[in-house]
């Protein structure tokens, strides 16, 4: 006889719980996939996406005649060839009007000034190459009364591909707008350049490709920029090496598509972003010193740093993009807002600043640190992502905010540590701990009182060996610490200014010490 179960209580299925658990699993899987993809990237993936024009290398100049030109008046070139130019031209210019032709100008200790237009104007050519010999000086007028083409804006202006090379120097005064302009690809292979421009210093529409050289640029707009917004593979600035001293009333280096820096020495002082791209930035090597009125390094899409030494001494936000990947390098950031930010700035504090704007918060906002030595000193969040933060290697130190409205670490979807060492100190009000799915043992320490700036922090193991050390730059009441030198079951001791603070045992992947609520209230009352 079958049992009658009608009187038994029916089990209830908690669908909300199941959906919640599945949602959490999907988020974790997505986080793992995003981090896995990010770990495989280097700046080389960005190089493959640009189209470099090296057409100048294919020209055999021995095929063409050489003409010696002593400047006495405006000089026009209409045929292919090499033109060896000397002399001084007090009110005139060199014009290239040579459709489908290739032209090389050898500027040999030349001085040209033009009160009503550019000093060199290439209206038609297949390629224009300028070789520098000795010291050359070019200056345009404050207005272009003799020019009917409104596109012409530079002391050197070319509608053709422009290459500049040679061991000489070029001194440019751009009184009207720009210093050097190409409406096509612009390539600089060598030389010494001193440019003072009323607008942009160096501008190439399709690209600016700098192989080497010495550059001192003072500009009322951007120092070096590429502007093509339409053509695939164009609109990039590529710098292989060189010495750059850039003083800009707008951006230092700017590209619509990609900025790629392989090497070089850079001193950039800019009112707006020092290095900016509407899409991607890749930095492989070099020494970069930044003093910015806005962001130090900003890309709308992604920043990849593979090495080099980057010192951002002053910035609103130090490094900002939707996704930031640091594989190696020595990086120091000092910022009045966020230090390293994936997701955008704080609009409420940045409404009137130049370049203000924010990204939508989403899980595509990722900061991944695979290696390097990173130090951040930030007045707002130290390392902040609207999505995820992953520490996979290297050594990261953050001296974070002293106010409880921000944190040394902050992430909308969580912070994970699977390698390396992280020491993040700051206020406790918005303090963030590492995720429980981290694979490196870590600490979340709420201190009983606010500690003074210049406090020496040490954590020692049971053998009295220092495993964590840092001297704080500012006051702090919380520490987030992750280290491969922390082991489960081991006993450790916290020392503050050589005084024993507390002994503890690692009991879980994240060990919490102190009381967050009491600490927050204590700080808030201050």
Protein backbone atom coordinates (compact mmCIF):
# COMPACT_ATOMS: atom_id res chain seq x y z
CA UNK A 1 0.00 0.00 0.00
CA UNK A 2 1.39 3.39 -0.97
CA UNK A 3 2.19 5.87 1.77
CA UNK A 4 0.05 8.96 2.05
CA UNK A 5 2.47 11.89 2.33
CA UNK A 6 -0.16 14.57 2.10
CA UNK A 7 0.05 15.28 5.79
CA UNK A 8 3.84 15.68 5.78
CA UNK A 9 5.30 19.23 5.64
CA UNK A 10 6.38 20.21 2.13
CA UNK A 11 9.99 21.27 1.71
CA UNK A 12 10.45 24.86 0.51
CA UNK A 13 12.97 25.64 -2.17
CA UNK A 14 14.70 28.98 -1.60
CA UNK A 15 14.96 30.13 -5.20
CA UNK A 16 16.35 33.51 -4.20
CA UNK A 17 19.21 31.81 -2.39
CA UNK A 18 19.96 29.58 -5.39
CA UNK A 19 19.91 32.54 -7.76
CA UNK A 20 22.15 34.49 -5.41
CA UNK A 21 24.67 31.66 -5.15
CA UNK A 22 24.68 31.14 -8.92
CA UNK A 23 25.16 34.86 -9.40
CA UNK A 24 28.13 34.86 -7.04
CA UNK A 25 29.66 31.89 -8.87
CA UNK A 26 29.25 33.64 -12.21
CA UNK A 27 30.89 36.80 -10.84
CA UNK A 28 33.85 34.80 -9.52
CA UNK A 29 34.21 32.93 -12.82
CA UNK A 30 34.07 36.21 -14.73
CA UNK A 31 36.70 37.70 -12.43
CA UNK A 32 39.01 34.72 -12.99
CA UNK A 33 38.56 34.93 -16.78
CA UNK A 34 39.15 38.70 -16.86
CA UNK A 35 42.29 38.37 -14.77
CA UNK A 36 43.55 35.44 -16.85
CA UNK A 37 43.15 37.43 -20.06
CA UNK A 38 44.79 40.51 -18.53
CA UNK A 39 47.80 38.51 -17.37
CA UNK A 40 48.66 37.54 -20.95
CA UNK A 41 48.90 41.09 -22.27
CA UNK A 42 52.00 43.16 -22.81
CA UNK A 43 52.36 46.44 -24.68
CA UNK A 44 53.41 44.41 -27.75
CA UNK A 45 49.71 43.69 -28.41
CA UNK A 46 49.24 47.43 -28.91
CA UNK A 47 52.18 47.69 -31.31
CA UNK A 48 50.62 45.14 -33.61
CA UNK A 49 47.49 47.27 -33.92
CA UNK A 50 49.19 50.33 -35.43
CA UNK A 51 50.28 50.95 -39.02
CA UNK A 52 53.82 52.36 -39.19
CA UNK A 53 54.84 54.18 -42.38
CA UNK A 54 58.55 53.73 -43.17
CA UNK A 55 58.26 54.82 -46.78
CA UNK A 56 61.21 57.20 -46.44
CA UNK A 57 63.54 54.19 -46.11
CA UNK A 58 62.54 52.98 -49.57
CA UNK A 59 63.69 56.12 -51.40
CA UNK A 60 67.00 55.88 -53.27
CA UNK A 61 68.14 59.48 -53.34
CA UNK A 62 71.05 58.64 -55.65
CA UNK A 63 68.48 58.41 -58.45
CA UNK A 64 67.67 62.11 -58.16
CA UNK A 65 69.71 65.28 -58.82
CA UNK A 66 71.09 67.52 -56.08
CA UNK A 67 70.54 71.29 -56.32
CA UNK A 68 72.38 73.89 -54.25
CA UNK A 69 70.14 76.73 -53.08
CA UNK A 70 71.37 79.98 -51.53
CA UNK A 71 68.29 81.67 -50.07
CA UNK A 72 67.63 85.22 -51.20
CA UNK A 73 63.85 85.11 -51.72
CA UNK A 74 60.88 82.72 -51.48
CA UNK A 75 61.93 79.48 -53.16
CA UNK A 76 59.57 76.99 -54.82
CA UNK A 77 60.33 73.31 -55.51
CA UNK A 78 58.32 71.45 -58.16
CA UNK A 79 60.44 68.37 -58.97
CA UNK A 80 61.94 65.38 -57.20
CA UNK A 81 65.46 65.77 -55.89
CA UNK A 82 67.76 66.78 -53.07
CA UNK A 83 67.96 70.52 -52.35
CA UNK A 84 70.96 71.66 -50.29
CA UNK A 85 69.78 74.92 -48.74
CA UNK A 86 71.98 77.57 -47.10
CA UNK A 87 71.67 81.23 -46.18
CA UNK A 88 69.21 83.56 -44.50
CA UNK A 89 65.74 84.57 -45.66
CA UNK A 90 64.33 87.48 -43.67
CA UNK A 91 60.77 87.49 -45.04
CA UNK A 92 59.86 84.54 -47.20
CA UNK A 93 59.51 80.77 -47.28
CA UNK A 94 60.32 77.52 -49.03
CA UNK A 95 57.32 76.07 -50.85
CA UNK A 96 57.10 72.49 -52.14
CA UNK A 97 54.54 72.08 -54.93
CA UNK A 98 55.58 68.72 -56.38
CA UNK A 99 52.69 66.33 -56.96
CA UNK A 100 53.71 62.64 -56.77
CA UNK A 101 57.35 63.68 -56.34
CA UNK A 102 59.87 62.98 -53.54
CA UNK A 103 61.81 65.91 -52.10
CA UNK A 104 64.71 66.13 -49.65
CA UNK A 105 65.65 69.46 -48.09
CA UNK A 106 69.10 69.67 -46.50
CA UNK A 107 68.88 72.64 -44.14
CA UNK A 108 72.50 73.70 -43.61
CA UNK A 109 72.70 76.51 -41.02
CA UNK A 110 69.58 78.10 -42.46
CA UNK A 111 67.57 80.98 -40.99
CA UNK A 112 64.07 81.65 -42.34
CA UNK A 113 61.42 84.04 -41.03
CA UNK A 114 58.10 84.76 -42.66
CA UNK A 115 55.94 87.56 -41.28
CA UNK A 116 52.76 86.37 -43.04
CA UNK A 117 52.95 82.57 -43.22
CA UNK A 118 54.97 79.41 -42.55
CA UNK A 119 58.71 79.14 -43.05
CA UNK A 120 58.43 75.82 -44.96
CA UNK A 121 55.20 74.83 -46.67
CA UNK A 122 54.69 71.53 -48.52
CA UNK A 123 51.40 71.70 -50.41
CA UNK A 124 51.97 68.66 -52.67
CA UNK A 125 54.49 65.81 -52.64
CA UNK A 126 54.71 62.06 -52.24
CA UNK A 127 57.30 62.37 -49.44
CA UNK A 128 59.18 65.25 -47.89
CA UNK A 129 62.43 64.56 -46.01
CA UNK A 130 64.25 67.32 -44.12
CA UNK A 131 67.87 66.72 -43.11
CA UNK A 132 69.39 68.97 -40.44
CA UNK A 133 73.00 70.17 -40.66
CA UNK A 134 74.36 72.68 -38.16
CA UNK A 135 71.97 75.08 -36.40
CA UNK A 136 68.78 76.10 -38.19
CA UNK A 137 66.21 78.69 -37.12
CA UNK A 138 62.66 79.00 -38.44
CA UNK A 139 59.96 81.48 -37.43
CA UNK A 140 56.51 82.20 -38.81
CA UNK A 141 54.24 85.24 -38.45
CA UNK A 142 51.52 85.83 -35.88
CA UNK A 143 48.97 85.86 -38.70
CA UNK A 144 48.94 84.15 -42.09
CA UNK A 145 47.80 87.03 -44.24
CA UNK A 146 49.27 85.51 -47.42
CA UNK A 147 47.73 82.04 -46.91
CA UNK A 148 44.29 81.15 -48.26
CA UNK A 149 44.38 77.54 -47.04
CA UNK A 150 43.01 77.51 -43.47
CA UNK A 151 44.64 74.10 -42.81
CA UNK A 152 48.09 75.67 -42.86
CA UNK A 153 48.95 76.31 -39.23
CA UNK A 154 52.62 75.43 -38.66
CA UNK A 155 56.04 76.97 -39.02
CA UNK A 156 56.88 73.75 -40.86
CA UNK A 157 53.73 72.53 -42.59
CA UNK A 158 53.37 69.47 -44.84
CA UNK A 159 50.38 67.83 -46.51
CA UNK A 160 52.67 64.92 -47.41
CA UNK A 161 54.45 62.34 -45.27
CA UNK A 162 57.19 64.26 -43.45
CA UNK A 163 60.47 62.82 -42.16
CA UNK A 164 63.07 64.88 -40.28
CA UNK A 165 66.57 63.53 -39.67
CA UNK A 166 70.19 64.57 -39.31
CA UNK A 167 72.62 65.47 -36.55
CA UNK A 168 71.89 69.19 -36.59
CA UNK A 169 69.56 71.42 -34.63
CA UNK A 170 66.24 73.08 -35.37
CA UNK A 171 64.96 76.11 -33.46
CA UNK A 172 61.32 76.88 -34.18
CA UNK A 173 59.14 79.76 -33.10
CA UNK A 174 55.49 79.15 -33.93
CA UNK A 175 53.86 82.55 -33.52
CA UNK A 176 50.67 81.67 -35.39
CA UNK A 177 49.82 78.20 -34.04
CA UNK A 178 51.95 75.07 -34.32
CA UNK A 179 55.65 74.31 -34.59
CA UNK A 180 55.81 71.25 -36.88
CA UNK A 181 52.71 69.89 -38.66
CA UNK A 182 52.13 66.98 -41.01
CA UNK A 183 48.67 66.26 -42.35
CA UNK A 184 49.89 62.72 -43.01
CA UNK A 185 52.54 60.67 -41.15
CA UNK A 186 55.29 62.52 -39.27
CA UNK A 187 58.56 60.76 -38.50
CA UNK A 188 61.53 62.22 -36.61
CA UNK A 189 64.66 60.09 -36.70
CA UNK A 190 67.24 62.31 -35.01
CA UNK A 191 68.25 65.89 -34.33
CA UNK A 192 67.93 68.51 -31.60
CA UNK A 193 64.72 70.55 -31.44
CA UNK A 194 63.79 73.67 -29.50
CA UNK A 195 60.18 74.61 -30.17
CA UNK A 196 58.12 77.49 -28.78
CA UNK A 197 54.57 77.29 -30.11
CA UNK A 198 51.42 79.36 -29.70
CA UNK A 199 49.40 76.13 -30.05
CA UNK A 200 50.74 72.57 -30.53
CA UNK A 201 54.45 71.87 -30.60
CA UNK A 202 54.57 68.79 -32.90
CA UNK A 203 51.45 67.48 -34.63
CA UNK A 204 50.98 64.65 -37.11
CA UNK A 205 47.50 63.79 -38.23
CA UNK A 206 48.02 60.08 -39.03
CA UNK A 207 50.94 59.53 -36.68
CA UNK A 208 53.95 60.92 -34.87
CA UNK A 209 56.82 58.41 -34.88
CA UNK A 210 59.96 59.50 -33.02
CA UNK A 211 62.98 57.24 -33.40
CA UNK A 212 65.40 59.44 -31.43
CA UNK A 213 66.31 63.04 -30.77
CA UNK A 214 66.45 65.79 -28.17
CA UNK A 215 63.29 67.84 -27.69
CA UNK A 216 62.60 70.98 -25.69
CA UNK A 217 59.01 72.07 -26.35
CA UNK A 218 57.03 74.88 -24.78
CA UNK A 219 53.47 74.98 -26.10
CA UNK A 220 50.25 76.83 -25.34
CA UNK A 221 48.35 73.66 -26.29
CA UNK A 222 49.63 70.05 -26.59
CA UNK A 223 53.34 69.38 -26.93
CA UNK A 224 53.22 66.24 -29.14
CA UNK A 225 49.99 64.89 -30.64
CA UNK A 226 48.36 62.76 -33.33
CA UNK A 227 44.76 63.44 -34.29
CA UNK A 228 43.40 60.86 -36.76
CA UNK A 229 40.10 59.57 -35.33
CA UNK A 230 38.91 57.59 -38.35
CA UNK A 231 41.52 55.36 -40.03
CA UNK A 232 42.35 52.01 -38.45
CA UNK A 233 45.95 51.77 -37.28
CA UNK A 234 46.45 55.54 -37.40
CA UNK A 235 46.18 58.31 -34.86
CA UNK A 236 49.14 57.13 -32.77
CA UNK A 237 52.28 58.51 -31.13
CA UNK A 238 55.20 56.05 -31.09
CA UNK A 239 58.43 56.97 -29.31
CA UNK A 240 61.41 54.61 -29.44
CA UNK A 241 63.81 56.78 -27.45
CA UNK A 242 65.04 60.33 -27.00
CA UNK A 243 65.22 63.14 -24.46
CA UNK A 244 62.06 65.16 -23.91
CA UNK A 245 61.53 68.33 -21.89
CA UNK A 246 57.88 69.25 -22.42
CA UNK A 247 56.12 72.25 -20.89
CA UNK A 248 52.49 72.36 -21.98
CA UNK A 249 49.47 74.50 -21.21
CA UNK A 250 47.32 71.52 -22.24
CA UNK A 251 48.48 67.89 -22.66
CA UNK A 252 52.07 66.73 -22.92
CA UNK A 253 51.75 63.71 -25.25
CA UNK A 254 48.35 63.01 -26.80
CA UNK A 255 46.95 60.54 -29.33
CA UNK A 256 43.49 59.55 -30.39
CA UNK A 257 44.36 55.88 -30.87
CA UNK A 258 47.54 54.77 -29.08
CA UNK A 259 50.58 56.17 -27.27
CA UNK A 260 53.53 53.77 -27.24
CA UNK A 261 56.77 54.55 -25.37
CA UNK A 262 59.62 52.08 -25.70
CA UNK A 263 62.38 54.12 -24.07
CA UNK A 264 63.59 57.64 -23.48
CA UNK A 265 63.93 60.29 -20.79
CA UNK A 266 60.85 62.45 -20.26
CA UNK A 267 60.30 65.53 -18.09
CA UNK A 268 56.69 66.60 -18.61
CA UNK A 269 55.04 69.59 -16.95
CA UNK A 270 51.48 69.94 -18.21
CA UNK A 271 48.33 71.77 -17.17
CA UNK A 272 46.16 68.89 -18.42
CA UNK A 273 47.07 65.17 -18.70
CA UNK A 274 50.79 64.59 -19.16
CA UNK A 275 50.35 61.43 -21.29
CA UNK A 276 46.90 60.91 -22.79
CA UNK A 277 45.19 58.59 -25.26
CA UNK A 278 41.53 58.27 -26.13
CA UNK A 279 42.17 54.51 -26.37
CA UNK A 280 45.44 52.82 -25.36
CA UNK A 281 48.81 53.57 -23.75
CA UNK A 282 51.76 51.16 -23.63
CA UNK A 283 55.02 51.89 -21.77
CA UNK A 284 57.90 49.42 -22.02
CA UNK A 285 60.93 51.27 -20.68
CA UNK A 286 62.35 54.72 -20.07
CA UNK A 287 62.41 57.30 -17.32
CA UNK A 288 59.29 59.43 -17.11
CA UNK A 289 58.96 62.36 -14.70
CA UNK A 290 55.54 63.99 -14.53
CA UNK A 291 54.11 67.16 -12.98
CA UNK A 292 50.48 67.37 -14.07
CA UNK A 293 47.56 69.66 -13.36
CA UNK A 294 45.21 66.78 -14.16
CA UNK A 295 46.00 63.08 -14.71
CA UNK A 296 49.57 61.91 -14.94
CA UNK A 297 48.87 59.07 -17.40
CA UNK A 298 45.34 58.69 -18.77
CA UNK A 299 43.81 56.32 -21.33
CA UNK A 300 40.11 55.91 -21.96
CA UNK A 301 40.50 52.17 -22.57
CA UNK A 302 43.69 50.52 -21.31
CA UNK A 303 47.16 51.23 -19.95
CA UNK A 304 49.90 48.55 -20.06
CA UNK A 305 53.20 49.18 -18.27
CA UNK A 306 55.95 46.61 -18.86
CA UNK A 307 58.87 48.42 -17.24
CA UNK A 308 60.76 51.65 -16.85
CA UNK A 309 60.83 54.23 -14.09
CA UNK A 310 57.76 56.45 -13.74
CA UNK A 311 57.70 59.29 -11.23
CA UNK A 312 54.40 61.15 -11.02
CA UNK A 313 55.33 63.86 -8.56
CA UNK A 314 52.10 65.85 -8.88
CA UNK A 315 48.72 64.97 -10.38
CA UNK A 316 45.01 65.05 -9.74
CA UNK A 317 44.84 61.33 -10.49
CA UNK A 318 48.09 59.50 -11.11
CA UNK A 319 47.31 56.65 -13.53
CA UNK A 320 43.78 56.30 -14.90
CA UNK A 321 42.08 54.03 -17.43
CA UNK A 322 39.22 51.57 -17.65
CA UNK A 323 41.79 48.75 -17.36
CA UNK A 324 45.35 49.05 -16.02
CA UNK A 325 47.96 46.30 -16.31
CA UNK A 326 51.36 46.67 -14.63
CA UNK A 327 53.79 43.87 -15.48
CA UNK A 328 56.99 45.52 -14.26
CA UNK A 329 58.62 48.85 -13.52
CA UNK A 330 59.42 51.22 -10.71
CA UNK A 331 56.41 53.51 -10.28
CA UNK A 332 55.89 56.35 -7.81
CA UNK A 333 52.58 58.25 -7.73
CA UNK A 334 51.63 61.29 -5.66
CA UNK A 335 48.09 62.51 -6.27
CA UNK A 336 45.50 64.85 -4.80
CA UNK A 337 42.72 62.41 -5.75
CA UNK A 338 43.07 58.69 -6.60
CA UNK A 339 46.53 57.29 -7.16
CA UNK A 340 45.77 54.43 -9.59
CA UNK A 341 42.18 54.39 -10.81
CA UNK A 342 40.24 52.02 -13.06
CA UNK A 343 36.89 53.60 -13.68
CA UNK A 344 37.17 57.39 -13.62
CA UNK A 345 37.56 60.31 -11.27
CA UNK A 346 35.32 61.67 -8.53
CA UNK A 347 33.00 64.01 -10.40
CA UNK A 348 31.98 65.90 -7.30
CA UNK A 349 35.55 67.00 -6.71
CA UNK A 350 36.47 67.40 -10.34
CA UNK A 351 33.54 69.25 -11.90
CA UNK A 352 35.52 72.32 -12.90
CA UNK A 353 38.88 70.74 -13.54
CA UNK A 354 40.23 70.48 -17.08
CA UNK A 355 39.60 67.02 -18.52
CA UNK A 356 36.93 66.15 -15.95
CA UNK A 357 34.87 63.04 -16.64
CA UNK A 358 34.01 59.60 -15.33
CA UNK A 359 33.61 56.11 -16.65
CA UNK A 360 30.49 54.04 -16.02
CA UNK A 361 31.05 51.60 -13.18
CA UNK A 362 31.25 48.04 -14.50
CA UNK A 363 33.20 44.83 -14.14
CA UNK A 364 35.40 45.68 -17.13
CA UNK A 365 37.24 48.07 -14.81
CA UNK A 366 40.29 46.05 -13.76
CA UNK A 367 43.66 46.82 -12.18
CA UNK A 368 46.16 43.96 -12.46
CA UNK A 369 49.62 44.18 -10.91
CA UNK A 370 51.89 41.30 -11.95
CA UNK A 371 55.23 42.75 -10.88
CA UNK A 372 57.30 45.82 -10.28
CA UNK A 373 57.79 48.22 -7.39
CA UNK A 374 54.81 50.52 -6.92
CA UNK A 375 54.45 53.31 -4.38
CA UNK A 376 51.29 55.40 -4.14
CA UNK A 377 50.69 58.44 -1.94
CA UNK A 378 47.10 59.56 -2.53
CA UNK A 379 44.78 62.00 -0.81
CA UNK A 380 41.74 60.00 -1.93
CA UNK A 381 41.68 56.27 -2.77
CA UNK A 382 45.15 54.87 -3.25
CA UNK A 383 44.36 52.03 -5.67
CA UNK A 384 40.75 52.19 -6.81
CA UNK A 385 38.71 50.17 -9.29
CA UNK A 386 35.02 50.22 -10.09
CA UNK A 387 35.48 46.50 -10.76
CA UNK A 388 38.39 44.33 -9.67
CA UNK A 389 41.93 44.71 -8.32
CA UNK A 390 44.38 41.79 -8.66
CA UNK A 391 47.81 41.57 -7.06
CA UNK A 392 49.78 38.72 -8.65
CA UNK A 393 53.35 39.80 -7.93
CA UNK A 394 55.72 42.65 -7.22
CA UNK A 395 55.77 44.94 -4.21
CA UNK A 396 53.05 47.57 -3.76
CA UNK A 397 52.98 50.16 -0.98
CA UNK A 398 50.14 52.62 -0.51
CA UNK A 399 50.04 55.59 1.82
CA UNK A 400 46.35 56.26 1.48
CA UNK A 401 43.87 58.88 2.64
CA UNK A 402 43.61 60.31 6.14
CA UNK A 403 39.84 60.91 5.80
CA UNK A 404 37.28 58.18 6.40
CA UNK A 405 35.48 58.79 3.11
CA UNK A 406 38.20 57.03 1.11
CA UNK A 407 40.41 53.96 1.40
CA UNK A 408 43.97 52.94 0.66
CA UNK A 409 42.44 50.13 -1.44
CA UNK A 410 38.97 50.30 -2.99
CA UNK A 411 37.20 48.01 -5.47
CA UNK A 412 33.56 47.66 -6.40
CA UNK A 413 33.90 43.91 -7.07
CA UNK A 414 36.75 43.01 -4.72
CA UNK A 415 40.51 42.92 -4.21
CA UNK A 416 42.41 39.66 -4.68
CA UNK A 417 46.02 38.80 -3.86
CA UNK A 418 47.66 35.69 -5.32
CA UNK A 419 51.30 36.82 -5.24
CA UNK A 420 53.69 39.56 -4.22
CA UNK A 421 53.64 41.86 -1.22
CA UNK A 422 51.10 44.61 -0.52
CA UNK A 423 51.16 47.15 2.31
CA UNK A 424 48.30 49.64 2.25
CA UNK A 425 47.79 52.04 5.16
CA UNK A 426 45.20 54.76 5.60
CA UNK A 427 41.98 55.74 7.32
CA UNK A 428 39.71 52.95 8.53
CA UNK A 429 36.28 54.28 7.60
CA UNK A 430 36.26 52.80 4.08
CA UNK A 431 39.01 50.22 4.60
CA UNK A 432 38.90 47.19 2.28
CA UNK A 433 40.25 43.71 2.99
CA UNK A 434 41.38 41.13 0.44
CA UNK A 435 38.85 38.63 -0.88
CA UNK A 436 38.48 35.30 0.92
CA UNK A 437 39.36 33.54 -2.36
CA UNK A 438 42.87 35.08 -2.28
CA UNK A 439 45.72 32.58 -2.21
CA UNK A 440 48.22 34.71 -0.26
CA UNK A 441 47.69 35.04 3.49
CA UNK A 442 46.83 38.57 4.48
CA UNK A 443 45.85 40.88 7.33
CA UNK A 444 43.22 43.51 7.95
CA UNK A 445 44.37 45.50 11.00
CA UNK A 446 42.13 48.07 12.69
CA UNK A 447 44.24 50.05 15.15
CA UNK A 448 42.88 51.25 18.48
CA UNK A 449 43.88 54.85 17.74
CA UNK A 450 45.12 57.01 14.91
CA UNK A 451 48.86 56.63 14.42
CA UNK A 452 51.11 59.56 13.62
CA UNK A 453 52.88 60.16 10.36
CA UNK A 454 56.40 58.71 10.18
CA UNK A 455 55.35 55.71 12.28
CA UNK A 456 57.64 52.75 11.67
CA UNK A 457 55.56 49.62 11.06
CA UNK A 458 57.08 46.16 11.48
CA UNK A 459 55.64 42.68 11.64
CA UNK A 460 58.01 40.03 12.98
CA UNK A 461 57.68 36.25 13.02
CA UNK A 462 58.32 33.98 16.01
CA UNK A 463 62.07 33.98 15.17
CA UNK A 464 62.06 37.80 15.53
CA UNK A 465 62.62 38.21 11.79
CA UNK A 466 61.02 41.22 10.08
CA UNK A 467 58.62 39.99 7.39
CA UNK A 468 56.79 43.31 6.76
CA UNK A 469 58.13 46.84 7.16
CA UNK A 470 57.06 50.34 6.17
CA UNK A 471 57.29 53.86 7.54
CA UNK A 472 54.04 55.74 7.02
CA UNK A 473 54.02 59.09 5.22
CA UNK A 474 50.76 60.20 6.87
CA UNK A 475 48.49 59.44 9.80
CA UNK A 476 46.65 56.10 9.57
CA UNK A 477 44.32 53.82 11.52
CA UNK A 478 44.08 50.75 9.28
CA UNK A 479 46.51 48.46 7.49
CA UNK A 480 45.76 45.97 4.71
CA UNK A 481 48.76 43.68 4.35
CA UNK A 482 49.35 40.68 2.12
CA UNK A 483 52.67 38.85 1.96
CA UNK A 484 54.07 35.55 0.80
CA UNK A 485 56.01 35.55 4.10
CA UNK A 486 52.83 35.06 6.14
CA UNK A 487 52.05 31.40 6.92
CA UNK A 488 49.03 29.73 8.55
CA UNK A 489 49.41 28.69 12.19
CA UNK A 490 52.44 30.94 12.70
CA UNK A 491 52.65 33.55 15.45
CA UNK A 492 53.52 37.13 14.51
CA UNK A 493 53.92 40.40 16.39
CA UNK A 494 53.07 43.94 15.27
CA UNK A 495 55.53 46.66 16.30
CA UNK A 496 54.84 50.39 15.98
CA UNK A 497 57.93 52.57 16.41
CA UNK A 498 59.73 49.57 17.92
CA UNK A 499 57.01 49.17 20.57
CA UNK A 500 55.10 45.88 20.73
CA UNK A 501 51.49 46.49 19.69
CA UNK A 502 49.88 43.06 19.39
CA UNK A 503 50.69 39.38 18.94
CA UNK A 504 48.48 37.23 16.72
CA UNK A 505 48.26 33.87 14.94
CA UNK A 506 47.40 33.46 11.24
CA UNK A 507 44.12 31.58 11.44
CA UNK A 508 42.56 32.08 8.00
CA UNK A 509 43.44 33.40 4.55
CA UNK A 510 42.40 36.80 5.92
CA UNK A 511 43.14 37.48 9.58
CA UNK A 512 41.28 40.49 10.99
CA UNK A 513 42.77 42.27 13.99
CA UNK A 514 40.96 44.97 15.96
CA UNK A 515 37.42 46.36 15.87
CA UNK A 516 36.35 48.23 12.78
CA UNK A 517 33.32 49.95 14.33
CA UNK A 518 35.07 51.27 17.39
CA UNK A 519 38.00 52.40 15.29
CA UNK A 520 35.80 54.22 12.78
CA UNK A 521 33.93 56.06 15.52
CA UNK A 522 37.21 57.01 17.17
CA UNK A 523 38.55 58.44 13.91
CA UNK A 524 35.29 60.15 13.04
CA UNK A 525 35.20 62.02 16.35
CA UNK A 526 38.67 63.39 15.63
